[in-house]
């Protein structure tokens, strides 16, 4: 996009602050925001004292590096974390309910990966139990954690998040969002 999409506005908040404000309403912590490109600019526009802002200097190595870096940061804060929920900053319809439903399904269905289903695929937000932390820490490349979800399908449950398909990757996506 040529600019930090995390700072685009929707309904009076930046895309990043939408995700942060919904995450803060849950009981889950620590909340780690992994920054890469435009880190300084983004951090200056998002000031939540209950959030840890961590800069991944290897962000150009793909989404996997941010997943690994974020998990390492969270584990350095609390090595006893049982589960990690990964979200992205461009899903404007994320809600506290979606985040909490991941945790609920993890416990009720006894699956160690719970992912969101939308647009005939699965993706973020996704919960991973500590059983998979080692694999998450060793991820590489652009594919993120999708490879783990496919690899461990027998230990994966899904929740419906139809509006998860709305993410902002291009200027056109953003225009379609603000001018439906």
C-alpha atoms as a PDB file:
ATOM      1  CA  UNK A   1       0.000   0.000   0.000  1.00  0.00           C
ATOM      2  CA  UNK A   2       2.976   2.299   0.415  1.00  0.00           C
ATOM      3  CA  UNK A   3       1.772   3.415   3.834  1.00  0.00           C
ATOM      4  CA  UNK A   4       0.998   1.706   7.150  1.00  0.00           C
ATOM      5  CA  UNK A   5      -2.411   0.104   6.734  1.00  0.00           C
ATOM      6  CA  UNK A   6      -2.594  -0.317  10.509  1.00  0.00           C
ATOM      7  CA  UNK A   7      -3.189   3.443  10.714  1.00  0.00           C
ATOM      8  CA  UNK A   8      -6.084   3.561   8.247  1.00  0.00           C
ATOM      9  CA  UNK A   9      -9.292   4.747   9.924  1.00  0.00           C
ATOM     10  CA  UNK A  10     -12.553   2.839  10.162  1.00  0.00           C
ATOM     11  CA  UNK A  11     -15.475   3.868  12.367  1.00  0.00           C
ATOM     12  CA  UNK A  12     -13.345   6.425  14.205  1.00  0.00           C
ATOM     13  CA  UNK A  13     -10.441   4.097  15.081  1.00  0.00           C
ATOM     14  CA  UNK A  14      -7.341   2.918  13.298  1.00  0.00           C
ATOM     15  CA  UNK A  15      -7.377  -0.671  12.076  1.00  0.00           C
ATOM     16  CA  UNK A  16      -4.782  -1.589  14.680  1.00  0.00           C
ATOM     17  CA  UNK A  17      -6.676   0.074  17.509  1.00  0.00           C
ATOM     18  CA  UNK A  18      -9.826  -1.864  16.585  1.00  0.00           C
ATOM     19  CA  UNK A  19      -7.998  -5.137  17.181  1.00  0.00           C
ATOM     20  CA  UNK A  20      -6.274  -3.881  20.317  1.00  0.00           C
ATOM     21  CA  UNK A  21      -9.456  -2.508  21.906  1.00  0.00           C
ATOM     22  CA  UNK A  22     -11.294  -5.795  21.295  1.00  0.00           C
ATOM     23  CA  UNK A  23      -8.353  -7.814  22.676  1.00  0.00           C
ATOM     24  CA  UNK A  24      -8.137  -5.707  25.826  1.00  0.00           C
ATOM     25  CA  UNK A  25     -11.773  -6.523  26.645  1.00  0.00           C
ATOM     26  CA  UNK A  26     -10.842 -10.209  27.023  1.00  0.00           C
ATOM     27  CA  UNK A  27      -9.187 -11.837  30.025  1.00  0.00           C
ATOM     28  CA  UNK A  28      -6.188 -12.909  27.944  1.00  0.00           C
ATOM     29  CA  UNK A  29      -2.739 -11.476  28.451  1.00  0.00           C
ATOM     30  CA  UNK A  30      -0.114 -10.484  27.755  1.00  0.00           C
ATOM     31  CA  UNK A  31      -1.244  -8.661  24.639  1.00  0.00           C
ATOM     32  CA  UNK A  32       1.753  -8.296  22.358  1.00  0.00           C
ATOM     33  CA  UNK A  33       1.579  -6.113  19.266  1.00  0.00           C
ATOM     34  CA  UNK A  34       4.316  -7.048  16.822  1.00  0.00           C
ATOM     35  CA  UNK A  35       5.452  -4.139  14.688  1.00  0.00           C
ATOM     36  CA  UNK A  36       7.668  -4.166  11.619  1.00  0.00           C
ATOM     37  CA  UNK A  37       7.597  -1.642   8.810  1.00  0.00           C
ATOM     38  CA  UNK A  38       6.652   1.855  10.023  1.00  0.00           C
ATOM     39  CA  UNK A  39       7.073   0.636  13.623  1.00  0.00           C
ATOM     40  CA  UNK A  40       7.857   4.041  15.123  1.00  0.00           C
ATOM     41  CA  UNK A  41       4.960   5.775  13.375  1.00  0.00           C
ATOM     42  CA  UNK A  42       2.498   3.039  14.324  1.00  0.00           C
ATOM     43  CA  UNK A  43       3.643   2.855  17.959  1.00  0.00           C
ATOM     44  CA  UNK A  44       3.280   6.626  18.336  1.00  0.00           C
ATOM     45  CA  UNK A  45      -0.354   6.488  17.179  1.00  0.00           C
ATOM     46  CA  UNK A  46      -1.388   3.576  19.392  1.00  0.00           C
ATOM     47  CA  UNK A  47      -0.942   4.144  23.085  1.00  0.00           C
ATOM     48  CA  UNK A  48      -2.437   1.434  25.250  1.00  0.00           C
ATOM     49  CA  UNK A  49      -0.428   0.996  28.460  1.00  0.00           C
ATOM     50  CA  UNK A  50      -1.673  -2.580  28.889  1.00  0.00           C
ATOM     51  CA  UNK A  51      -0.142  -3.621  25.552  1.00  0.00           C
ATOM     52  CA  UNK A  52       3.448  -4.606  24.857  1.00  0.00           C
ATOM     53  CA  UNK A  53       4.700  -3.144  21.570  1.00  0.00           C
ATOM     54  CA  UNK A  54       7.554  -5.248  20.203  1.00  0.00           C
ATOM     55  CA  UNK A  55       9.506  -4.453  17.048  1.00  0.00           C
ATOM     56  CA  UNK A  56      10.383  -7.395  14.823  1.00  0.00           C
ATOM     57  CA  UNK A  57      13.448  -6.212  12.926  1.00  0.00           C
ATOM     58  CA  UNK A  58      13.185  -9.297  10.678  1.00  0.00           C
ATOM     59  CA  UNK A  59       9.653  -8.456   9.477  1.00  0.00           C
ATOM     60  CA  UNK A  60      10.777  -8.621   5.840  1.00  0.00           C
ATOM     61  CA  UNK A  61      11.341 -12.367   6.284  1.00  0.00           C
ATOM     62  CA  UNK A  62       7.593 -12.933   6.259  1.00  0.00           C
ATOM     63  CA  UNK A  63       4.655 -13.454   8.548  1.00  0.00           C
ATOM     64  CA  UNK A  64       6.306 -16.453  10.177  1.00  0.00           C
ATOM     65  CA  UNK A  65       9.022 -14.263  11.661  1.00  0.00           C
ATOM     66  CA  UNK A  66       6.390 -12.040  13.293  1.00  0.00           C
ATOM     67  CA  UNK A  67       4.521 -15.047  14.691  1.00  0.00           C
ATOM     68  CA  UNK A  68       7.709 -16.481  16.157  1.00  0.00           C
ATOM     69  CA  UNK A  69       8.871 -13.108  17.467  1.00  0.00           C
ATOM     70  CA  UNK A  70       5.497 -12.333  19.073  1.00  0.00           C
ATOM     71  CA  UNK A  71       5.338 -15.721  20.771  1.00  0.00           C
ATOM     72  CA  UNK A  72       8.926 -15.385  22.058  1.00  0.00           C
ATOM     73  CA  UNK A  73       8.066 -11.962  23.441  1.00  0.00           C
ATOM     74  CA  UNK A  74       4.944 -13.275  25.188  1.00  0.00           C
ATOM     75  CA  UNK A  75       6.828 -16.263  26.641  1.00  0.00           C
ATOM     76  CA  UNK A  76       9.577 -13.963  27.936  1.00  0.00           C
ATOM     77  CA  UNK A  77       6.873 -12.080  29.831  1.00  0.00           C
ATOM     78  CA  UNK A  78       5.109 -15.220  31.092  1.00  0.00           C
ATOM     79  CA  UNK A  79       6.705 -18.610  30.463  1.00  0.00           C
ATOM     80  CA  UNK A  80       3.586 -20.353  31.814  1.00  0.00           C
ATOM     81  CA  UNK A  81       1.289 -19.310  28.946  1.00  0.00           C
ATOM     82  CA  UNK A  82      -1.006 -22.190  28.003  1.00  0.00           C
ATOM     83  CA  UNK A  83      -2.392 -20.800  24.747  1.00  0.00           C
ATOM     84  CA  UNK A  84      -1.595 -18.036  22.275  1.00  0.00           C
ATOM     85  CA  UNK A  85      -4.158 -16.326  20.062  1.00  0.00           C
ATOM     86  CA  UNK A  86      -2.821 -14.730  16.902  1.00  0.00           C
ATOM     87  CA  UNK A  87      -4.695 -11.923  15.178  1.00  0.00           C
ATOM     88  CA  UNK A  88      -3.870  -9.483  12.403  1.00  0.00           C
ATOM     89  CA  UNK A  89      -4.410  -5.746  12.270  1.00  0.00           C
ATOM     90  CA  UNK A  90      -6.490  -5.635   9.112  1.00  0.00           C
ATOM     91  CA  UNK A  91      -9.595  -7.640  10.057  1.00  0.00           C
ATOM     92  CA  UNK A  92     -11.883  -4.776  11.033  1.00  0.00           C
ATOM     93  CA  UNK A  93     -14.746  -6.994  12.153  1.00  0.00           C
ATOM     94  CA  UNK A  94     -12.832  -8.815  14.856  1.00  0.00           C
ATOM     95  CA  UNK A  95     -14.620  -8.801  18.184  1.00  0.00           C
ATOM     96  CA  UNK A  96     -14.125  -9.801  21.765  1.00  0.00           C
ATOM     97  CA  UNK A  97     -16.712 -12.532  21.176  1.00  0.00           C
ATOM     98  CA  UNK A  98     -14.689 -14.076  18.348  1.00  0.00           C
ATOM     99  CA  UNK A  99     -11.523 -14.091  20.454  1.00  0.00           C
ATOM    100  CA  UNK A 100     -13.315 -15.613  23.451  1.00  0.00           C
ATOM    101  CA  UNK A 101     -15.049 -18.207  21.258  1.00  0.00           C
ATOM    102  CA  UNK A 102     -11.643 -19.556  20.181  1.00  0.00           C
ATOM    103  CA  UNK A 103     -10.825 -20.235  23.828  1.00  0.00           C
ATOM    104  CA  UNK A 104     -14.274 -21.702  24.555  1.00  0.00           C
ATOM    105  CA  UNK A 105     -14.075 -24.129  21.624  1.00  0.00           C
ATOM    106  CA  UNK A 106     -10.542 -25.138  22.629  1.00  0.00           C
ATOM    107  CA  UNK A 107     -11.875 -26.246  26.005  1.00  0.00           C
ATOM    108  CA  UNK A 108     -15.185 -27.746  24.926  1.00  0.00           C
ATOM    109  CA  UNK A 109     -13.887 -29.651  21.889  1.00  0.00           C
ATOM    110  CA  UNK A 110     -10.474 -30.398  23.419  1.00  0.00           C
ATOM    111  CA  UNK A 111      -8.641 -29.363  20.267  1.00  0.00           C
ATOM    112  CA  UNK A 112      -5.250 -27.679  20.533  1.00  0.00           C
ATOM    113  CA  UNK A 113      -5.657 -25.489  17.466  1.00  0.00           C
ATOM    114  CA  UNK A 114      -8.825 -23.456  16.948  1.00  0.00           C
ATOM    115  CA  UNK A 115      -8.985 -21.363  13.824  1.00  0.00           C
ATOM    116  CA  UNK A 116     -11.510 -19.093  12.149  1.00  0.00           C
ATOM    117  CA  UNK A 117     -13.401 -20.173   9.047  1.00  0.00           C
ATOM    118  CA  UNK A 118     -14.453 -17.751   6.318  1.00  0.00           C
ATOM    119  CA  UNK A 119     -14.589 -17.532   2.533  1.00  0.00           C
ATOM    120  CA  UNK A 120     -13.942 -21.272   2.107  1.00  0.00           C
ATOM    121  CA  UNK A 121     -10.661 -21.121   4.023  1.00  0.00           C
ATOM    122  CA  UNK A 122      -9.348 -20.840   7.548  1.00  0.00           C
ATOM    123  CA  UNK A 123      -7.149 -18.201   9.098  1.00  0.00           C
ATOM    124  CA  UNK A 124      -6.774 -15.620  11.800  1.00  0.00           C
ATOM    125  CA  UNK A 125      -7.626 -15.224  14.498  1.00  0.00           C
ATOM    126  CA  UNK A 126      -6.300 -18.613  15.562  1.00  0.00           C
ATOM    127  CA  UNK A 127      -5.567 -20.145  18.965  1.00  0.00           C
ATOM    128  CA  UNK A 128      -2.609 -22.478  19.444  1.00  0.00           C
ATOM    129  CA  UNK A 129      -2.055 -24.497  22.593  1.00  0.00           C
ATOM    130  CA  UNK A 130       1.455 -24.677  24.042  1.00  0.00           C
ATOM    131  CA  UNK A 131       1.711 -28.149  22.473  1.00  0.00           C
ATOM    132  CA  UNK A 132       2.538 -26.312  19.221  1.00  0.00           C
ATOM    133  CA  UNK A 133       4.705 -23.495  20.560  1.00  0.00           C
ATOM    134  CA  UNK A 134       7.928 -25.228  19.462  1.00  0.00           C
ATOM    135  CA  UNK A 135       6.665 -25.500  15.892  1.00  0.00           C
ATOM    136  CA  UNK A 136       5.443 -21.896  15.917  1.00  0.00           C
ATOM    137  CA  UNK A 137       8.831 -20.685  17.131  1.00  0.00           C
ATOM    138  CA  UNK A 138      10.508 -22.494  14.225  1.00  0.00           C
ATOM    139  CA  UNK A 139       8.237 -21.231  11.435  1.00  0.00           C
ATOM    140  CA  UNK A 140       9.858 -19.624   8.406  1.00  0.00           C
ATOM    141  CA  UNK A 141       8.602 -17.899   5.284  1.00  0.00           C
ATOM    142  CA  UNK A 142       5.466 -16.123   4.155  1.00  0.00           C
ATOM    143  CA  UNK A 143       2.895 -18.841   4.816  1.00  0.00           C
ATOM    144  CA  UNK A 144       2.569 -18.121   8.496  1.00  0.00           C
ATOM    145  CA  UNK A 145       0.984 -20.827  10.633  1.00  0.00           C
ATOM    146  CA  UNK A 146      -1.392 -22.157   7.966  1.00  0.00           C
ATOM    147  CA  UNK A 147       1.006 -25.039   7.368  1.00  0.00           C
ATOM    148  CA  UNK A 148       0.594 -26.146  11.010  1.00  0.00           C
ATOM    149  CA  UNK A 149      -3.183 -25.987  10.769  1.00  0.00           C
ATOM    150  CA  UNK A 150      -3.106 -28.254   7.707  1.00  0.00           C
ATOM    151  CA  UNK A 151      -0.471 -30.542   9.206  1.00  0.00           C
ATOM    152  CA  UNK A 152      -2.473 -31.015  12.430  1.00  0.00           C
ATOM    153  CA  UNK A 153      -6.018 -31.068  11.051  1.00  0.00           C
ATOM    154  CA  UNK A 154      -6.976 -33.896  13.416  1.00  0.00           C
ATOM    155  CA  UNK A 155      -6.250 -31.600  16.363  1.00  0.00           C
ATOM    156  CA  UNK A 156      -7.945 -28.538  14.847  1.00  0.00           C
ATOM    157  CA  UNK A 157     -11.419 -27.106  15.361  1.00  0.00           C
ATOM    158  CA  UNK A 158     -12.944 -24.128  13.583  1.00  0.00           C
ATOM    159  CA  UNK A 159     -15.273 -21.333  14.504  1.00  0.00           C
ATOM    160  CA  UNK A 160     -17.343 -19.387  12.037  1.00  0.00           C
ATOM    161  CA  UNK A 161     -16.159 -15.833  11.395  1.00  0.00           C
ATOM    162  CA  UNK A 162     -17.826 -14.921   8.104  1.00  0.00           C
ATOM    163  CA  UNK A 163     -16.689 -11.299   8.293  1.00  0.00           C
ATOM    164  CA  UNK A 164     -13.097 -12.476   8.680  1.00  0.00           C
ATOM    165  CA  UNK A 165     -12.929 -12.465   4.896  1.00  0.00           C
ATOM    166  CA  UNK A 166     -12.924  -8.654   5.062  1.00  0.00           C
ATOM    167  CA  UNK A 167      -9.294  -7.683   5.367  1.00  0.00           C
ATOM    168  CA  UNK A 168      -7.452  -4.719   4.009  1.00  0.00           C
ATOM    169  CA  UNK A 169      -4.549  -5.623   1.742  1.00  0.00           C
ATOM    170  CA  UNK A 170      -4.927  -3.022  -1.004  1.00  0.00           C
ATOM    171  CA  UNK A 171      -6.155   0.526  -1.502  1.00  0.00           C
ATOM    172  CA  UNK A 172      -9.190  -0.973  -3.288  1.00  0.00           C
ATOM    173  CA  UNK A 173      -9.989  -3.158  -0.254  1.00  0.00           C
ATOM    174  CA  UNK A 174      -9.936  -0.058   1.923  1.00  0.00           C
ATOM    175  CA  UNK A 175     -12.108   1.968  -0.455  1.00  0.00           C
ATOM    176  CA  UNK A 176     -14.612  -0.900  -0.579  1.00  0.00           C
ATOM    177  CA  UNK A 177     -14.675  -0.934   3.207  1.00  0.00           C
ATOM    178  CA  UNK A 178     -15.304   2.760   3.734  1.00  0.00           C
ATOM    179  CA  UNK A 179     -17.562   3.245   0.696  1.00  0.00           C
ATOM    180  CA  UNK A 180     -19.640   0.051   0.529  1.00  0.00           C
END
